[in-house]
Amino acid sequence: MESSFDKPAVNDTLITDDALAVIAGIAASEVPGVAGMSSGIAGGIAEALGRVNLSKGVKVVTRESSTTIDLYVIVRYGYRIPDVAFDIQECVKSCIEEQAGIVVDNIHIHVQGVDYSETESEQT
């Protein structure tokens, strides 16, 4: 007797949370005002080993038909944080829906810091 897990159904595609995290990370990093994504310890270790971590600062959780994305970002000095956060939400939502065909229920933006590096270089 065959189980439903033996063969994928025709036209079914499984998109992992890791793949969605990569799409979200790239989309968020392209938003004006985003200096970078904040990584945890695991992300820092991957970078130390020379790996490019495209999902750095992104956590995707899919439960049944609900997808939630948490993004941990560093904002450039001089940009309004609420505006940048809104732009990130819109960009990530549209990219995931266009590229993966998945509806995102929640996108949470966690601002981990402000990047002053451009301002400091202008003063010297």
PDB file of N, CA and C in Angstrom:
ATOM      1  N   MET A   1       0.831  -1.171   0.000  1.00  0.00           N
ATOM      2  CA  MET A   1       0.000   0.000   0.000  1.00  0.00           C
ATOM      3  C   MET A   1       0.884   1.245   0.000  1.00  0.00           C
ATOM      4  N   GLU A   2       0.623   2.187  -0.905  1.00  0.00           N
ATOM      5  CA  GLU A   2       1.395   3.413  -1.007  1.00  0.00           C
ATOM      6  C   GLU A   2       0.843   4.471  -0.074  1.00  0.00           C
ATOM      7  N   SER A   3       1.738   5.218   0.550  1.00  0.00           N
ATOM      8  CA  SER A   3       1.290   6.348   1.369  1.00  0.00           C
ATOM      9  C   SER A   3       1.343   7.611   0.515  1.00  0.00           C
ATOM     10  N   SER A   4       0.730   8.655   0.986  1.00  0.00           N
ATOM     11  CA  SER A   4       0.714   9.908   0.235  1.00  0.00           C
ATOM     12  C   SER A   4       2.088  10.568   0.215  1.00  0.00           C
ATOM     13  N   PHE A   5       3.025  10.083   1.037  1.00  0.00           N
ATOM     14  CA  PHE A   5       4.353  10.667   1.069  1.00  0.00           C
ATOM     15  C   PHE A   5       5.313  10.015   0.076  1.00  0.00           C
ATOM     16  N   ASP A   6       4.891   8.929  -0.546  1.00  0.00           N
ATOM     17  CA  ASP A   6       5.766   8.241  -1.482  1.00  0.00           C
ATOM     18  C   ASP A   6       6.018   9.062  -2.740  1.00  0.00           C
ATOM     19  N   LYS A   7       4.996   9.692  -3.258  1.00  0.00           N
ATOM     20  CA  LYS A   7       5.119  10.464  -4.485  1.00  0.00           C
ATOM     21  C   LYS A   7       4.489  11.833  -4.287  1.00  0.00           C
ATOM     22  N   PRO A   8       5.176  12.882  -4.738  1.00  0.00           N
ATOM     23  CA  PRO A   8       4.550  14.196  -4.639  1.00  0.00           C
ATOM     24  C   PRO A   8       3.392  14.288  -5.635  1.00  0.00           C
ATOM     25  N   ALA A   9       2.390  15.022  -5.257  1.00  0.00           N
ATOM     26  CA  ALA A   9       1.260  15.223  -6.163  1.00  0.00           C
ATOM     27  C   ALA A   9       1.721  16.037  -7.356  1.00  0.00           C
ATOM     28  N   VAL A  10       1.052  15.874  -8.461  1.00  0.00           N
ATOM     29  CA  VAL A  10       1.390  16.600  -9.676  1.00  0.00           C
ATOM     30  C   VAL A  10       1.227  18.098  -9.417  1.00  0.00           C
ATOM     31  N   ASN A  11       2.188  18.878  -9.863  1.00  0.00           N
ATOM     32  CA  ASN A  11       2.197  20.336  -9.750  1.00  0.00           C
ATOM     33  C   ASN A  11       2.347  20.842  -8.316  1.00  0.00           C
ATOM     34  N   ASP A  12       2.739  19.999  -7.371  1.00  0.00           N
ATOM     35  CA  ASP A  12       3.005  20.457  -6.011  1.00  0.00           C
ATOM     36  C   ASP A  12       4.472  20.835  -5.904  1.00  0.00           C
ATOM     37  N   THR A  13       4.725  21.981  -5.304  1.00  0.00           N
ATOM     38  CA  THR A  13       6.086  22.435  -5.082  1.00  0.00           C
ATOM     39  C   THR A  13       6.217  22.798  -3.623  1.00  0.00           C
ATOM     40  N   LEU A  14       7.255  22.293  -2.990  1.00  0.00           N
ATOM     41  CA  LEU A  14       7.511  22.611  -1.598  1.00  0.00           C
ATOM     42  C   LEU A  14       8.591  23.685  -1.541  1.00  0.00           C
ATOM     43  N   ILE A  15       8.264  24.800  -0.923  1.00  0.00           N
ATOM     44  CA  ILE A  15       9.224  25.882  -0.747  1.00  0.00           C
ATOM     45  C   ILE A  15       9.535  25.964   0.737  1.00  0.00           C
ATOM     46  N   THR A  16      10.788  25.771   1.080  1.00  0.00           N
ATOM     47  CA  THR A  16      11.174  25.731   2.484  1.00  0.00           C
ATOM     48  C   THR A  16      11.232  27.132   3.089  1.00  0.00           C
ATOM     49  N   ASP A  17      11.193  27.165   4.417  1.00  0.00           N
ATOM     50  CA  ASP A  17      11.332  28.439   5.121  1.00  0.00           C
ATOM     51  C   ASP A  17      12.700  29.059   4.850  1.00  0.00           C
ATOM     52  N   ASP A  18      13.719  28.227   4.663  1.00  0.00           N
ATOM     53  CA  ASP A  18      15.061  28.746   4.352  1.00  0.00           C
ATOM     54  C   ASP A  18      15.076  29.478   3.015  1.00  0.00           C
ATOM     55  N   ALA A  19      14.379  28.944   2.032  1.00  0.00           N
ATOM     56  CA  ALA A  19      14.308  29.604   0.726  1.00  0.00           C
ATOM     57  C   ALA A  19      13.564  30.928   0.835  1.00  0.00           C
ATOM     58  N   LEU A  20      12.489  30.945   1.596  1.00  0.00           N
ATOM     59  CA  LEU A  20      11.753  32.189   1.809  1.00  0.00           C
ATOM     60  C   LEU A  20      12.608  33.211   2.545  1.00  0.00           C
ATOM     61  N   ALA A  21      13.439  32.749   3.478  1.00  0.00           N
ATOM     62  CA  ALA A  21      14.320  33.648   4.224  1.00  0.00           C
ATOM     63  C   ALA A  21      15.340  34.307   3.303  1.00  0.00           C
ATOM     64  N   VAL A  22      15.844  33.571   2.332  1.00  0.00           N
ATOM     65  CA  VAL A  22      16.796  34.143   1.380  1.00  0.00           C
ATOM     66  C   VAL A  22      16.112  35.226   0.540  1.00  0.00           C
ATOM     67  N   ILE A  23      14.919  34.940   0.040  1.00  0.00           N
ATOM     68  CA  ILE A  23      14.173  35.924  -0.747  1.00  0.00           C
ATOM     69  C   ILE A  23      13.918  37.174   0.098  1.00  0.00           C
ATOM     70  N   ALA A  24      13.472  36.991   1.338  1.00  0.00           N
ATOM     71  CA  ALA A  24      13.166  38.118   2.219  1.00  0.00           C
ATOM     72  C   ALA A  24      14.419  38.926   2.548  1.00  0.00           C
ATOM     73  N   GLY A  25      15.526  38.237   2.795  1.00  0.00           N
ATOM     74  CA  GLY A  25      16.773  38.921   3.128  1.00  0.00           C
ATOM     75  C   GLY A  25      17.295  39.772   1.992  1.00  0.00           C
ATOM     76  N   ILE A  26      17.243  39.245   0.787  1.00  0.00           N
ATOM     77  CA  ILE A  26      17.698  40.007  -0.379  1.00  0.00           C
ATOM     78  C   ILE A  26      16.787  41.202  -0.610  1.00  0.00           C
ATOM     79  N   ALA A  27      15.476  40.977  -0.533  1.00  0.00           N
ATOM     80  CA  ALA A  27      14.517  42.063  -0.753  1.00  0.00           C
ATOM     81  C   ALA A  27      14.697  43.173   0.277  1.00  0.00           C
ATOM     82  N   ALA A  28      14.844  42.820   1.536  1.00  0.00           N
ATOM     83  CA  ALA A  28      14.990  43.820   2.597  1.00  0.00           C
ATOM     84  C   ALA A  28      16.273  44.623   2.441  1.00  0.00           C
ATOM     85  N   SER A  29      17.351  43.962   2.057  1.00  0.00           N
ATOM     86  CA  SER A  29      18.636  44.658   1.943  1.00  0.00           C
ATOM     87  C   SER A  29      18.663  45.645   0.783  1.00  0.00           C
ATOM     88  N   GLU A  30      17.723  45.529  -0.148  1.00  0.00           N
ATOM     89  CA  GLU A  30      17.668  46.447  -1.289  1.00  0.00           C
ATOM     90  C   GLU A  30      16.831  47.689  -1.009  1.00  0.00           C
ATOM     91  N   VAL A  31      16.174  47.766   0.132  1.00  0.00           N
ATOM     92  CA  VAL A  31      15.333  48.910   0.477  1.00  0.00           C
ATOM     93  C   VAL A  31      16.229  50.083   0.886  1.00  0.00           C
ATOM     94  N   PRO A  32      15.986  51.277   0.320  1.00  0.00           N
ATOM     95  CA  PRO A  32      16.771  52.448   0.728  1.00  0.00           C
ATOM     96  C   PRO A  32      16.609  52.710   2.224  1.00  0.00           C
ATOM     97  N   GLY A  33      17.736  52.966   2.894  1.00  0.00           N
ATOM     98  CA  GLY A  33      17.723  53.210   4.327  1.00  0.00           C
ATOM     99  C   GLY A  33      18.156  52.010   5.136  1.00  0.00           C
ATOM    100  N   VAL A  34      18.223  50.845   4.517  1.00  0.00           N
ATOM    101  CA  VAL A  34      18.677  49.649   5.223  1.00  0.00           C
ATOM    102  C   VAL A  34      20.196  49.554   5.062  1.00  0.00           C
ATOM    103  N   ALA A  35      20.901  49.634   6.194  1.00  0.00           N
ATOM    104  CA  ALA A  35      22.361  49.537   6.169  1.00  0.00           C
ATOM    105  C   ALA A  35      22.805  48.088   6.098  1.00  0.00           C
ATOM    106  N   GLY A  36      21.992  47.197   6.663  1.00  0.00           N
ATOM    107  CA  GLY A  36      22.335  45.783   6.643  1.00  0.00           C
ATOM    108  C   GLY A  36      21.385  45.009   7.523  1.00  0.00           C
ATOM    109  N   MET A  37      21.591  43.723   7.524  1.00  0.00           N
ATOM    110  CA  MET A  37      20.793  42.833   8.347  1.00  0.00           C
ATOM    111  C   MET A  37      21.622  42.472   9.566  1.00  0.00           C
ATOM    112  N   SER A  38      20.954  42.362  10.696  1.00  0.00           N
ATOM    113  CA  SER A  38      21.638  42.023  11.940  1.00  0.00           C
ATOM    114  C   SER A  38      21.667  40.512  12.099  1.00  0.00           C
ATOM    115  N   SER A  39      22.842  39.979  12.340  1.00  0.00           N
ATOM    116  CA  SER A  39      22.942  38.524  12.488  1.00  0.00           C
ATOM    117  C   SER A  39      23.115  38.155  13.935  1.00  0.00           C
ATOM    118  N   GLY A  40      22.650  36.968  14.263  1.00  0.00           N
ATOM    119  CA  GLY A  40      22.875  36.422  15.596  1.00  0.00           C
ATOM    120  C   GLY A  40      24.222  35.742  15.625  1.00  0.00           C
ATOM    121  N   ILE A  41      24.444  34.939  16.615  1.00  0.00           N
ATOM    122  CA  ILE A  41      25.722  34.232  16.746  1.00  0.00           C
ATOM    123  C   ILE A  41      25.925  33.266  15.594  1.00  0.00           C
ATOM    124  N   ALA A  42      24.874  32.552  15.188  1.00  0.00           N
ATOM    125  CA  ALA A  42      25.012  31.581  14.098  1.00  0.00           C
ATOM    126  C   ALA A  42      25.391  32.262  12.800  1.00  0.00           C
ATOM    127  N   GLY A  43      24.796  33.408  12.523  1.00  0.00           N
ATOM    128  CA  GLY A  43      25.113  34.143  11.310  1.00  0.00           C
ATOM    129  C   GLY A  43      26.538  34.646  11.320  1.00  0.00           C
ATOM    130  N   GLY A  44      27.000  35.093  12.499  1.00  0.00           N
ATOM    131  CA  GLY A  44      28.370  35.568  12.624  1.00  0.00           C
ATOM    132  C   GLY A  44      29.379  34.462  12.408  1.00  0.00           C
ATOM    133  N   ILE A  45      29.075  33.271  12.876  1.00  0.00           N
ATOM    134  CA  ILE A  45      29.968  32.121  12.674  1.00  0.00           C
ATOM    135  C   ILE A  45      30.040  31.767  11.195  1.00  0.00           C
ATOM    136  N   ALA A  46      28.895  31.764  10.511  1.00  0.00           N
ATOM    137  CA  ALA A  46      28.882  31.448   9.079  1.00  0.00           C
ATOM    138  C   ALA A  46      29.717  32.446   8.302  1.00  0.00           C
ATOM    139  N   GLU A  47      29.611  33.737   8.648  1.00  0.00           N
ATOM    140  CA  GLU A  47      30.399  34.754   7.960  1.00  0.00           C
ATOM    141  C   GLU A  47      31.885  34.603   8.263  1.00  0.00           C
ATOM    142  N   ALA A  48      32.219  34.225   9.489  1.00  0.00           N
ATOM    143  CA  ALA A  48      33.620  34.034   9.854  1.00  0.00           C
ATOM    144  C   ALA A  48      34.236  32.893   9.057  1.00  0.00           C
ATOM    145  N   LEU A  49      33.420  31.920   8.692  1.00  0.00           N
ATOM    146  CA  LEU A  49      33.911  30.798   7.896  1.00  0.00           C
ATOM    147  C   LEU A  49      33.963  31.134   6.405  1.00  0.00           C
ATOM    148  N   GLY A  50      33.621  32.368   6.038  1.00  0.00           N
ATOM    149  CA  GLY A  50      33.702  32.786   4.651  1.00  0.00           C
ATOM    150  C   GLY A  50      32.448  32.544   3.838  1.00  0.00           C
ATOM    151  N   ARG A  51      31.385  32.147   4.472  1.00  0.00           N
ATOM    152  CA  ARG A  51      30.138  31.904   3.750  1.00  0.00           C
ATOM    153  C   ARG A  51      29.329  33.184   3.661  1.00  0.00           C
ATOM    154  N   VAL A  52      28.685  33.382   2.527  1.00  0.00           N
ATOM    155  CA  VAL A  52      27.758  34.493   2.381  1.00  0.00           C
ATOM    156  C   VAL A  52      26.405  33.990   2.864  1.00  0.00           C
ATOM    157  N   ASN A  53      25.862  34.658   3.867  1.00  0.00           N
ATOM    158  CA  ASN A  53      24.600  34.235   4.457  1.00  0.00           C
ATOM    159  C   ASN A  53      23.498  35.175   3.982  1.00  0.00           C
ATOM    160  N   LEU A  54      22.778  34.786   2.930  1.00  0.00           N
ATOM    161  CA  LEU A  54      21.746  35.634   2.350  1.00  0.00           C
ATOM    162  C   LEU A  54      20.494  35.706   3.210  1.00  0.00           C
ATOM    163  N   SER A  55      20.367  34.817   4.170  1.00  0.00           N
ATOM    164  CA  SER A  55      19.197  34.838   5.044  1.00  0.00           C
ATOM    165  C   SER A  55      19.535  35.429   6.416  1.00  0.00           C
ATOM    166  N   LYS A  56      20.669  36.109   6.504  1.00  0.00           N
ATOM    167  CA  LYS A  56      21.104  36.706   7.761  1.00  0.00           C
ATOM    168  C   LYS A  56      20.059  37.709   8.253  1.00  0.00           C
ATOM    169  N   GLY A  57      19.678  37.588   9.503  1.00  0.00           N
ATOM    170  CA  GLY A  57      18.732  38.519  10.090  1.00  0.00           C
ATOM    171  C   GLY A  57      17.283  38.255   9.726  1.00  0.00           C
ATOM    172  N   VAL A  58      16.996  37.051   9.240  1.00  0.00           N
ATOM    173  CA  VAL A  58      15.627  36.717   8.830  1.00  0.00           C
ATOM    174  C   VAL A  58      15.198  35.424   9.509  1.00  0.00           C
ATOM    175  N   LYS A  59      14.001  35.444  10.055  1.00  0.00           N
ATOM    176  CA  LYS A  59      13.415  34.237  10.637  1.00  0.00           C
ATOM    177  C   LYS A  59      12.040  34.043  10.006  1.00  0.00           C
ATOM    178  N   VAL A  60      11.831  32.888   9.393  1.00  0.00           N
ATOM    179  CA  VAL A  60      10.554  32.571   8.753  1.00  0.00           C
ATOM    180  C   VAL A  60       9.930  31.392   9.480  1.00  0.00           C
ATOM    181  N   VAL A  61       8.660  31.534   9.827  1.00  0.00           N
ATOM    182  CA  VAL A  61       7.926  30.447  10.477  1.00  0.00           C
ATOM    183  C   VAL A  61       6.646  30.222   9.693  1.00  0.00           C
ATOM    184  N   THR A  62       6.482  28.991   9.217  1.00  0.00           N
ATOM    185  CA  THR A  62       5.269  28.612   8.507  1.00  0.00           C
ATOM    186  C   THR A  62       4.572  27.527   9.312  1.00  0.00           C
ATOM    187  N   ARG A  63       3.347  27.805   9.680  1.00  0.00           N
ATOM    188  CA  ARG A  63       2.521  26.827  10.397  1.00  0.00           C
ATOM    189  C   ARG A  63       1.212  26.703   9.644  1.00  0.00           C
ATOM    190  N   GLU A  64       0.942  25.497   9.194  1.00  0.00           N
ATOM    191  CA  GLU A  64      -0.247  25.207   8.383  1.00  0.00           C
ATOM    192  C   GLU A  64      -0.281  26.170   7.207  1.00  0.00           C
ATOM    193  N   SER A  65      -1.214  27.097   7.161  1.00  0.00           N
ATOM    194  CA  SER A  65      -1.275  28.004   6.010  1.00  0.00           C
ATOM    195  C   SER A  65      -0.890  29.426   6.396  1.00  0.00           C
ATOM    196  N   SER A  66      -0.195  29.599   7.520  1.00  0.00           N
ATOM    197  CA  SER A  66       0.177  30.924   8.007  1.00  0.00           C
ATOM    198  C   SER A  66       1.694  31.095   7.958  1.00  0.00           C
ATOM    199  N   THR A  67       2.148  32.165   7.325  1.00  0.00           N
ATOM    200  CA  THR A  67       3.579  32.450   7.236  1.00  0.00           C
ATOM    201  C   THR A  67       3.874  33.780   7.910  1.00  0.00           C
ATOM    202  N   THR A  68       4.835  33.757   8.831  1.00  0.00           N
ATOM    203  CA  THR A  68       5.257  34.954   9.547  1.00  0.00           C
ATOM    204  C   THR A  68       6.752  35.139   9.339  1.00  0.00           C
ATOM    205  N   ILE A  69       7.151  36.379   9.080  1.00  0.00           N
ATOM    206  CA  ILE A  69       8.560  36.689   8.844  1.00  0.00           C
ATOM    207  C   ILE A  69       9.004  37.747   9.848  1.00  0.00           C
ATOM    208  N   ASP A  70      10.126  37.491  10.507  1.00  0.00           N
ATOM    209  CA  ASP A  70      10.759  38.465  11.385  1.00  0.00           C
ATOM    210  C   ASP A  70      12.072  38.885  10.735  1.00  0.00           C
ATOM    211  N   LEU A  71      12.267  40.202  10.598  1.00  0.00           N
ATOM    212  CA  LEU A  71      13.480  40.745   9.990  1.00  0.00           C
ATOM    213  C   LEU A  71      14.197  41.614  11.014  1.00  0.00           C
ATOM    214  N   TYR A  72      15.486  41.374  11.184  1.00  0.00           N
ATOM    215  CA  TYR A  72      16.307  42.112  12.126  1.00  0.00           C
ATOM    216  C   TYR A  72      17.258  42.989  11.319  1.00  0.00           C
ATOM    217  N   VAL A  73      17.025  44.311  11.349  1.00  0.00           N
ATOM    218  CA  VAL A  73      17.726  45.217  10.447  1.00  0.00           C
ATOM    219  C   VAL A  73      18.501  46.300  11.192  1.00  0.00           C
ATOM    220  N   ILE A  74      19.448  46.867  10.473  1.00  0.00           N
ATOM    221  CA  ILE A  74      20.184  48.045  10.914  1.00  0.00           C
ATOM    222  C   ILE A  74      19.841  49.147   9.913  1.00  0.00           C
ATOM    223  N   VAL A  75      19.372  50.281  10.420  1.00  0.00           N
ATOM    224  CA  VAL A  75      18.909  51.379   9.576  1.00  0.00           C
ATOM    225  C   VAL A  75      20.003  52.433   9.470  1.00  0.00           C
ATOM    226  N   ARG A  76      20.130  53.030   8.291  1.00  0.00           N
ATOM    227  CA  ARG A  76      21.098  54.106   8.088  1.00  0.00           C
ATOM    228  C   ARG A  76      20.644  55.367   8.822  1.00  0.00           C
ATOM    229  N   TYR A  77      21.607  56.095   9.355  1.00  0.00           N
ATOM    230  CA  TYR A  77      21.311  57.358  10.019  1.00  0.00           C
ATOM    231  C   TYR A  77      20.719  58.343   9.009  1.00  0.00           C
ATOM    232  N   GLY A  78      19.692  59.067   9.435  1.00  0.00           N
ATOM    233  CA  GLY A  78      19.073  60.066   8.576  1.00  0.00           C
ATOM    234  C   GLY A  78      17.773  59.613   7.935  1.00  0.00           C
ATOM    235  N   TYR A  79      17.462  58.333   8.019  1.00  0.00           N
ATOM    236  CA  TYR A  79      16.207  57.805   7.474  1.00  0.00           C
ATOM    237  C   TYR A  79      15.195  57.655   8.595  1.00  0.00           C
ATOM    238  N   ARG A  80      13.940  57.928   8.288  1.00  0.00           N
ATOM    239  CA  ARG A  80      12.865  57.741   9.267  1.00  0.00           C
ATOM    240  C   ARG A  80      12.604  56.250   9.428  1.00  0.00           C
ATOM    241  N   ILE A  81      12.775  55.758  10.642  1.00  0.00           N
ATOM    242  CA  ILE A  81      12.633  54.328  10.914  1.00  0.00           C
ATOM    243  C   ILE A  81      11.252  53.798  10.544  1.00  0.00           C
ATOM    244  N   PRO A  82      10.147  54.495  10.884  1.00  0.00           N
ATOM    245  CA  PRO A  82       8.835  53.968  10.492  1.00  0.00           C
ATOM    246  C   PRO A  82       8.665  53.839   8.975  1.00  0.00           C
ATOM    247  N   ASP A  83       9.235  54.790   8.233  1.00  0.00           N
ATOM    248  CA  ASP A  83       9.142  54.737   6.765  1.00  0.00           C
ATOM    249  C   ASP A  83       9.945  53.564   6.200  1.00  0.00           C
ATOM    250  N   VAL A  84      11.146  53.370   6.730  1.00  0.00           N
ATOM    251  CA  VAL A  84      11.987  52.257   6.280  1.00  0.00           C
ATOM    252  C   VAL A  84      11.311  50.930   6.609  1.00  0.00           C
ATOM    253  N   ALA A  85      10.762  50.823   7.805  1.00  0.00           N
ATOM    254  CA  ALA A  85      10.084  49.580   8.212  1.00  0.00           C
ATOM    255  C   ALA A  85       8.901  49.282   7.297  1.00  0.00           C
ATOM    256  N   PHE A  86       8.122  50.292   6.979  1.00  0.00           N
ATOM    257  CA  PHE A  86       6.981  50.102   6.080  1.00  0.00           C
ATOM    258  C   PHE A  86       7.454  49.661   4.696  1.00  0.00           C
ATOM    259  N   ASP A  87       8.499  50.320   4.183  1.00  0.00           N
ATOM    260  CA  ASP A  87       9.031  49.964   2.860  1.00  0.00           C
ATOM    261  C   ASP A  87       9.558  48.530   2.839  1.00  0.00           C
ATOM    262  N   ILE A  88      10.207  48.108   3.921  1.00  0.00           N
ATOM    263  CA  ILE A  88      10.691  46.722   4.013  1.00  0.00           C
ATOM    264  C   ILE A  88       9.515  45.757   3.957  1.00  0.00           C
ATOM    265  N   GLN A  89       8.483  46.032   4.736  1.00  0.00           N
ATOM    266  CA  GLN A  89       7.307  45.156   4.754  1.00  0.00           C
ATOM    267  C   GLN A  89       6.697  45.028   3.363  1.00  0.00           C
ATOM    268  N   GLU A  90       6.521  46.139   2.680  1.00  0.00           N
ATOM    269  CA  GLU A  90       5.912  46.116   1.349  1.00  0.00           C
ATOM    270  C   GLU A  90       6.791  45.377   0.340  1.00  0.00           C
ATOM    271  N   CYS A  91       8.096  45.644   0.376  1.00  0.00           N
ATOM    272  CA  CYS A  91       9.020  45.014  -0.580  1.00  0.00           C
ATOM    273  C   CYS A  91       9.105  43.508  -0.356  1.00  0.00           C
ATOM    274  N   VAL A  92       9.253  43.090   0.895  1.00  0.00           N
ATOM    275  CA  VAL A  92       9.376  41.667   1.199  1.00  0.00           C
ATOM    276  C   VAL A  92       8.088  40.931   0.838  1.00  0.00           C
ATOM    277  N   LYS A  93       6.953  41.515   1.207  1.00  0.00           N
ATOM    278  CA  LYS A  93       5.660  40.888   0.920  1.00  0.00           C
ATOM    279  C   LYS A  93       5.467  40.701  -0.584  1.00  0.00           C
ATOM    280  N   SER A  94       5.732  41.734  -1.358  1.00  0.00           N
ATOM    281  CA  SER A  94       5.529  41.619  -2.809  1.00  0.00           C
ATOM    282  C   SER A  94       6.528  40.653  -3.442  1.00  0.00           C
ATOM    283  N   CYS A  95       7.774  40.652  -2.992  1.00  0.00           N
ATOM    284  CA  CYS A  95       8.770  39.738  -3.563  1.00  0.00           C
ATOM    285  C   CYS A  95       8.421  38.283  -3.287  1.00  0.00           C
ATOM    286  N   ILE A  96       8.031  37.978  -2.061  1.00  0.00           N
ATOM    287  CA  ILE A  96       7.703  36.584  -1.733  1.00  0.00           C
ATOM    288  C   ILE A  96       6.442  36.146  -2.464  1.00  0.00           C
ATOM    289  N   GLU A  97       5.452  37.023  -2.539  1.00  0.00           N
ATOM    290  CA  GLU A  97       4.222  36.644  -3.232  1.00  0.00           C
ATOM    291  C   GLU A  97       4.460  36.463  -4.731  1.00  0.00           C
ATOM    292  N   GLU A  98       5.316  37.304  -5.333  1.00  0.00           N
ATOM    293  CA  GLU A  98       5.610  37.173  -6.762  1.00  0.00           C
ATOM    294  C   GLU A  98       6.492  35.967  -7.066  1.00  0.00           C
ATOM    295  N   GLN A  99       7.552  35.784  -6.279  1.00  0.00           N
ATOM    296  CA  GLN A  99       8.533  34.750  -6.587  1.00  0.00           C
ATOM    297  C   GLN A  99       8.138  33.361  -6.093  1.00  0.00           C
ATOM    298  N   ALA A 100       7.457  33.296  -4.942  1.00  0.00           N
ATOM    299  CA  ALA A 100       7.138  31.988  -4.366  1.00  0.00           C
ATOM    300  C   ALA A 100       5.649  31.669  -4.418  1.00  0.00           C
ATOM    301  N   GLY A 101       4.827  32.670  -4.656  1.00  0.00           N
ATOM    302  CA  GLY A 101       3.394  32.439  -4.703  1.00  0.00           C
ATOM    303  C   GLY A 101       2.790  32.134  -3.341  1.00  0.00           C
ATOM    304  N   ILE A 102       3.437  32.613  -2.290  1.00  0.00           N
ATOM    305  CA  ILE A 102       2.979  32.358  -0.923  1.00  0.00           C
ATOM    306  C   ILE A 102       2.489  33.673  -0.325  1.00  0.00           C
ATOM    307  N   VAL A 103       1.335  33.622   0.317  1.00  0.00           N
ATOM    308  CA  VAL A 103       0.791  34.800   0.984  1.00  0.00           C
ATOM    309  C   VAL A 103       1.416  34.901   2.372  1.00  0.00           C
ATOM    310  N   VAL A 104       1.985  36.057   2.660  1.00  0.00           N
ATOM    311  CA  VAL A 104       2.626  36.295   3.946  1.00  0.00           C
ATOM    312  C   VAL A 104       1.620  36.986   4.858  1.00  0.00           C
ATOM    313  N   ASP A 105       1.382  36.396   6.027  1.00  0.00           N
ATOM    314  CA  ASP A 105       0.402  36.941   6.959  1.00  0.00           C
ATOM    315  C   ASP A 105       0.961  38.085   7.799  1.00  0.00           C
ATOM    316  N   ASN A 106       2.172  37.925   8.305  1.00  0.00           N
ATOM    317  CA  ASN A 106       2.770  38.932   9.192  1.00  0.00           C
ATOM    318  C   ASN A 106       4.234  39.132   8.845  1.00  0.00           C
ATOM    319  N   ILE A 107       4.646  40.402   8.856  1.00  0.00           N
ATOM    320  CA  ILE A 107       6.059  40.742   8.709  1.00  0.00           C
ATOM    321  C   ILE A 107       6.405  41.678   9.854  1.00  0.00           C
ATOM    322  N   HIS A 108       7.288  41.227  10.736  1.00  0.00           N
ATOM    323  CA  HIS A 108       7.703  42.022  11.891  1.00  0.00           C
ATOM    324  C   HIS A 108       9.109  42.563  11.639  1.00  0.00           C
ATOM    325  N   ILE A 109       9.268  43.859  11.841  1.00  0.00           N
ATOM    326  CA  ILE A 109      10.570  44.499  11.659  1.00  0.00           C
ATOM    327  C   ILE A 109      11.150  44.808  13.036  1.00  0.00           C
ATOM    328  N   HIS A 110      12.369  44.332  13.279  1.00  0.00           N
ATOM    329  CA  HIS A 110      13.070  44.579  14.540  1.00  0.00           C
ATOM    330  C   HIS A 110      14.313  45.409  14.216  1.00  0.00           C
ATOM    331  N   VAL A 111      14.307  46.683  14.587  1.00  0.00           N
ATOM    332  CA  VAL A 111      15.460  47.544  14.325  1.00  0.00           C
ATOM    333  C   VAL A 111      16.488  47.281  15.422  1.00  0.00           C
ATOM    334  N   GLN A 112      17.637  46.771  15.018  1.00  0.00           N
ATOM    335  CA  GLN A 112      18.686  46.376  15.959  1.00  0.00           C
ATOM    336  C   GLN A 112      19.743  47.457  16.165  1.00  0.00           C
ATOM    337  N   GLY A 113      19.713  48.489  15.316  1.00  0.00           N
ATOM    338  CA  GLY A 113      20.708  49.537  15.466  1.00  0.00           C
ATOM    339  C   GLY A 113      20.613  50.546  14.348  1.00  0.00           C
ATOM    340  N   VAL A 114      21.429  51.595  14.482  1.00  0.00           N
ATOM    341  CA  VAL A 114      21.503  52.651  13.485  1.00  0.00           C
ATOM    342  C   VAL A 114      22.949  52.748  13.030  1.00  0.00           C
ATOM    343  N   ASP A 115      23.152  52.803  11.718  1.00  0.00           N
ATOM    344  CA  ASP A 115      24.495  52.868  11.145  1.00  0.00           C
ATOM    345  C   ASP A 115      24.864  54.327  10.902  1.00  0.00           C
ATOM    346  N   TYR A 116      25.901  54.797  11.579  1.00  0.00           N
ATOM    347  CA  TYR A 116      26.364  56.176  11.453  1.00  0.00           C
ATOM    348  C   TYR A 116      27.582  56.286  10.542  1.00  0.00           C
ATOM    349  N   SER A 117      28.013  55.206   9.936  1.00  0.00           N
ATOM    350  CA  SER A 117      29.302  55.181   9.238  1.00  0.00           C
ATOM    351  C   SER A 117      29.417  56.226   8.142  1.00  0.00           C
ATOM    352  N   GLU A 118      28.378  56.471   7.359  1.00  0.00           N
ATOM    353  CA  GLU A 118      28.466  57.481   6.298  1.00  0.00           C
ATOM    354  C   GLU A 118      28.602  58.872   6.880  1.00  0.00           C
ATOM    355  N   THR A 119      27.904  59.141   7.974  1.00  0.00           N
ATOM    356  CA  THR A 119      27.969  60.449   8.607  1.00  0.00           C
ATOM    357  C   THR A 119      29.367  60.698   9.166  1.00  0.00           C
ATOM    358  N   GLU A 120      29.957  59.685   9.791  1.00  0.00           N
ATOM    359  CA  GLU A 120      31.279  59.829  10.351  1.00  0.00           C
ATOM    360  C   GLU A 120      32.320  60.061   9.263  1.00  0.00           C
ATOM    361  N   SER A 121      32.214  59.393   8.129  1.00  0.00           N
ATOM    362  CA  SER A 121      33.195  59.562   7.053  1.00  0.00           C
ATOM    363  C   SER A 121      33.064  60.928   6.397  1.00  0.00           C
ATOM    364  N   GLU A 122      31.844  61.513   6.399  1.00  0.00           N
ATOM    365  CA  GLU A 122      31.653  62.841   5.823  1.00  0.00           C
ATOM    366  C   GLU A 122      32.314  63.909   6.687  1.00  0.00           C
ATOM    367  N   GLN A 123      32.382  63.693   8.009  1.00  0.00           N
ATOM    368  CA  GLN A 123      32.929  64.683   8.922  1.00  0.00           C
ATOM    369  C   GLN A 123      34.453  64.710   8.876  1.00  0.00           C
ATOM    370  N   THR A 124      35.098  63.632   8.488  1.00  0.00           N
ATOM    371  CA  THR A 124      36.571  63.599   8.479  1.00  0.00           C
ATOM    372  C   THR A 124      37.152  64.048   7.184  1.00  0.00           C
TER     373      THR A 124
END
